[in-house]
C-alpha cells in the first residue's frame, strides 16, 4: 500500500501515527515500509507556482522596459545611474525567467 506524504518529516510522523497498518509494517520490515512512501513536492505538483512566478517576472520585465523607454524619451533629465539600475534589475529578471523556463536535466 502506497502512502503519499509531503516532503516534510512532520507529515511522515502524522502518517505513521494515524495508520495502524503502517505501524505494523514498520515493526515487521522498516526498509520495505519506507519504500512504500510516495513523497510529493509542491513544486512538482502545483503548476500555479510557476505560472505566478513567470507572470510576475514577465510583468516586472515589461514594466521596467516601458519605464526605461519613457525615461529615455522624456525631456526630464534623470540620473544615468537610475537607468543603469533599472537595466540591471530587468536583466536579472530575464535571467531568472530563462532559468525557470529552461528544461531541467534529468538524472
C-alpha atoms as a PDB file:
ATOM      1  CA  UNK A   1       0.000   0.000   0.000  1.00  0.00           C
ATOM      2  CA  UNK A   2       1.476   3.327  -1.089  1.00  0.00           C
ATOM      3  CA  UNK A   3       1.260   6.248   1.328  1.00  0.00           C
ATOM      4  CA  UNK A   4       1.540   9.779  -0.069  1.00  0.00           C
ATOM      5  CA  UNK A   5       3.205  12.410   2.101  1.00  0.00           C
ATOM      6  CA  UNK A   6       4.551  15.910   1.581  1.00  0.00           C
ATOM      7  CA  UNK A   7       8.269  16.478   1.643  1.00  0.00           C
ATOM      8  CA  UNK A   8       8.380  17.000   5.444  1.00  0.00           C
ATOM      9  CA  UNK A   9       9.216  14.857   8.441  1.00  0.00           C
ATOM     10  CA  UNK A  10       6.106  16.099  10.270  1.00  0.00           C
ATOM     11  CA  UNK A  11       3.922  14.680   7.518  1.00  0.00           C
ATOM     12  CA  UNK A  12       5.779  11.385   7.835  1.00  0.00           C
ATOM     13  CA  UNK A  13       5.125  11.307  11.606  1.00  0.00           C
ATOM     14  CA  UNK A  14       1.417  12.081  11.116  1.00  0.00           C
ATOM     15  CA  UNK A  15       1.047   9.310   8.560  1.00  0.00           C
ATOM     16  CA  UNK A  16       2.798   6.862  10.844  1.00  0.00           C
ATOM     17  CA  UNK A  17       0.790   7.858  13.942  1.00  0.00           C
ATOM     18  CA  UNK A  18      -2.605   7.784  12.202  1.00  0.00           C
ATOM     19  CA  UNK A  19      -2.238   4.491  10.343  1.00  0.00           C
ATOM     20  CA  UNK A  20      -2.049   1.266  12.441  1.00  0.00           C
ATOM     21  CA  UNK A  21      -1.417  -0.862   9.345  1.00  0.00           C
ATOM     22  CA  UNK A  22       1.612   1.285   8.523  1.00  0.00           C
ATOM     23  CA  UNK A  23       2.837   0.944  12.116  1.00  0.00           C
ATOM     24  CA  UNK A  24       2.640  -2.843  11.836  1.00  0.00           C
ATOM     25  CA  UNK A  25       4.517  -2.776   8.531  1.00  0.00           C
ATOM     26  CA  UNK A  26       7.279  -0.701  10.146  1.00  0.00           C
ATOM     27  CA  UNK A  27       7.557  -3.179  13.007  1.00  0.00           C
ATOM     28  CA  UNK A  28       7.938  -6.083  10.584  1.00  0.00           C
ATOM     29  CA  UNK A  29      10.275  -4.547   7.988  1.00  0.00           C
ATOM     30  CA  UNK A  30      11.071  -0.816   8.245  1.00  0.00           C
ATOM     31  CA  UNK A  31      13.030  -0.634   4.983  1.00  0.00           C
ATOM     32  CA  UNK A  32      10.249  -2.174   2.902  1.00  0.00           C
ATOM     33  CA  UNK A  33       7.648   0.014   4.641  1.00  0.00           C
ATOM     34  CA  UNK A  34       9.705   3.159   3.966  1.00  0.00           C
ATOM     35  CA  UNK A  35       9.900   2.247   0.277  1.00  0.00           C
ATOM     36  CA  UNK A  36       6.104   2.397   0.101  1.00  0.00           C
ATOM     37  CA  UNK A  37       6.068   6.126   0.825  1.00  0.00           C
ATOM     38  CA  UNK A  38       5.476   8.421  -2.129  1.00  0.00           C
ATOM     39  CA  UNK A  39       6.961  11.835  -1.434  1.00  0.00           C
ATOM     40  CA  UNK A  40       5.313  14.726  -3.210  1.00  0.00           C
ATOM     41  CA  UNK A  41       6.861  18.121  -3.708  1.00  0.00           C
ATOM     42  CA  UNK A  42       4.547  21.124  -4.238  1.00  0.00           C
ATOM     43  CA  UNK A  43       6.870  22.493  -6.912  1.00  0.00           C
ATOM     44  CA  UNK A  44       6.288  19.363  -8.976  1.00  0.00           C
ATOM     45  CA  UNK A  45       2.541  19.024  -8.423  1.00  0.00           C
ATOM     46  CA  UNK A  46       1.311  22.628  -8.373  1.00  0.00           C
ATOM     47  CA  UNK A  47       1.581  24.283 -11.782  1.00  0.00           C
ATOM     48  CA  UNK A  48       0.246  27.594 -10.434  1.00  0.00           C
ATOM     49  CA  UNK A  49       3.504  28.257  -8.569  1.00  0.00           C
ATOM     50  CA  UNK A  50       5.400  28.504 -11.842  1.00  0.00           C
ATOM     51  CA  UNK A  51       2.601  30.426 -13.548  1.00  0.00           C
ATOM     52  CA  UNK A  52       2.587  33.080 -10.831  1.00  0.00           C
ATOM     53  CA  UNK A  53       6.371  33.401 -10.844  1.00  0.00           C
ATOM     54  CA  UNK A  54       6.562  33.611 -14.639  1.00  0.00           C
ATOM     55  CA  UNK A  55       3.751  36.170 -14.701  1.00  0.00           C
ATOM     56  CA  UNK A  56       5.396  38.300 -12.008  1.00  0.00           C
ATOM     57  CA  UNK A  57       8.798  38.213 -13.711  1.00  0.00           C
ATOM     58  CA  UNK A  58       7.240  38.976 -17.095  1.00  0.00           C
ATOM     59  CA  UNK A  59       5.332  41.937 -15.684  1.00  0.00           C
ATOM     60  CA  UNK A  60       8.473  43.212 -13.964  1.00  0.00           C
ATOM     61  CA  UNK A  61      10.451  42.984 -17.192  1.00  0.00           C
ATOM     62  CA  UNK A  62       7.757  44.712 -19.240  1.00  0.00           C
ATOM     63  CA  UNK A  63       7.196  47.493 -16.713  1.00  0.00           C
ATOM     64  CA  UNK A  64      10.919  48.200 -16.434  1.00  0.00           C
ATOM     65  CA  UNK A  65      11.376  48.254 -20.210  1.00  0.00           C
ATOM     66  CA  UNK A  66       8.373  50.562 -20.644  1.00  0.00           C
ATOM     67  CA  UNK A  67       9.692  52.745 -17.824  1.00  0.00           C
ATOM     68  CA  UNK A  68      13.123  52.937 -19.423  1.00  0.00           C
ATOM     69  CA  UNK A  69      11.608  53.931 -22.766  1.00  0.00           C
ATOM     70  CA  UNK A  70       9.530  56.655 -21.081  1.00  0.00           C
ATOM     71  CA  UNK A  71      12.546  57.914 -19.123  1.00  0.00           C
ATOM     72  CA  UNK A  72      14.701  57.955 -22.246  1.00  0.00           C
ATOM     73  CA  UNK A  73      12.102  59.791 -24.368  1.00  0.00           C
ATOM     74  CA  UNK A  74      11.059  62.324 -21.734  1.00  0.00           C
ATOM     75  CA  UNK A  75      12.528  65.783 -21.603  1.00  0.00           C
ATOM     76  CA  UNK A  76      13.143  65.483 -17.893  1.00  0.00           C
ATOM     77  CA  UNK A  77      16.738  64.532 -17.177  1.00  0.00           C
ATOM     78  CA  UNK A  78      17.338  61.584 -14.900  1.00  0.00           C
ATOM     79  CA  UNK A  79      20.496  60.398 -13.312  1.00  0.00           C
ATOM     80  CA  UNK A  80      22.294  57.908 -15.557  1.00  0.00           C
ATOM     81  CA  UNK A  81      22.732  55.648 -12.541  1.00  0.00           C
ATOM     82  CA  UNK A  82      18.948  55.180 -12.287  1.00  0.00           C
ATOM     83  CA  UNK A  83      18.792  53.863 -15.839  1.00  0.00           C
ATOM     84  CA  UNK A  84      21.711  51.524 -15.095  1.00  0.00           C
ATOM     85  CA  UNK A  85      19.955  50.166 -12.002  1.00  0.00           C
ATOM     86  CA  UNK A  86      16.734  49.527 -13.934  1.00  0.00           C
ATOM     87  CA  UNK A  87      18.691  47.799 -16.675  1.00  0.00           C
ATOM     88  CA  UNK A  88      20.425  45.559 -14.131  1.00  0.00           C
ATOM     89  CA  UNK A  89      17.112  44.640 -12.495  1.00  0.00           C
ATOM     90  CA  UNK A  90      15.497  43.786 -15.811  1.00  0.00           C
ATOM     91  CA  UNK A  91      18.452  41.692 -16.966  1.00  0.00           C
ATOM     92  CA  UNK A  92      18.348  39.778 -13.670  1.00  0.00           C
ATOM     93  CA  UNK A  93      14.628  39.152 -14.131  1.00  0.00           C
ATOM     94  CA  UNK A  94      15.238  37.961 -17.699  1.00  0.00           C
ATOM     95  CA  UNK A  95      17.897  35.551 -16.398  1.00  0.00           C
ATOM     96  CA  UNK A  96      15.547  34.229 -13.717  1.00  0.00           C
ATOM     97  CA  UNK A  97      12.785  33.755 -16.275  1.00  0.00           C
ATOM     98  CA  UNK A  98      15.147  31.903 -18.610  1.00  0.00           C
ATOM     99  CA  UNK A  99      16.257  29.679 -15.738  1.00  0.00           C
ATOM    100  CA  UNK A 100      12.668  28.787 -14.906  1.00  0.00           C
ATOM    101  CA  UNK A 101      11.633  28.063 -18.464  1.00  0.00           C
ATOM    102  CA  UNK A 102      14.723  26.069 -19.444  1.00  0.00           C
ATOM    103  CA  UNK A 103      14.236  22.283 -19.236  1.00  0.00           C
ATOM    104  CA  UNK A 104      15.878  20.794 -16.169  1.00  0.00           C
ATOM    105  CA  UNK A 105      18.364  17.979 -16.659  1.00  0.00           C
ATOM    106  CA  UNK A 106      17.108  14.515 -15.737  1.00  0.00           C
ATOM    107  CA  UNK A 107      19.062  12.169 -13.528  1.00  0.00           C
END
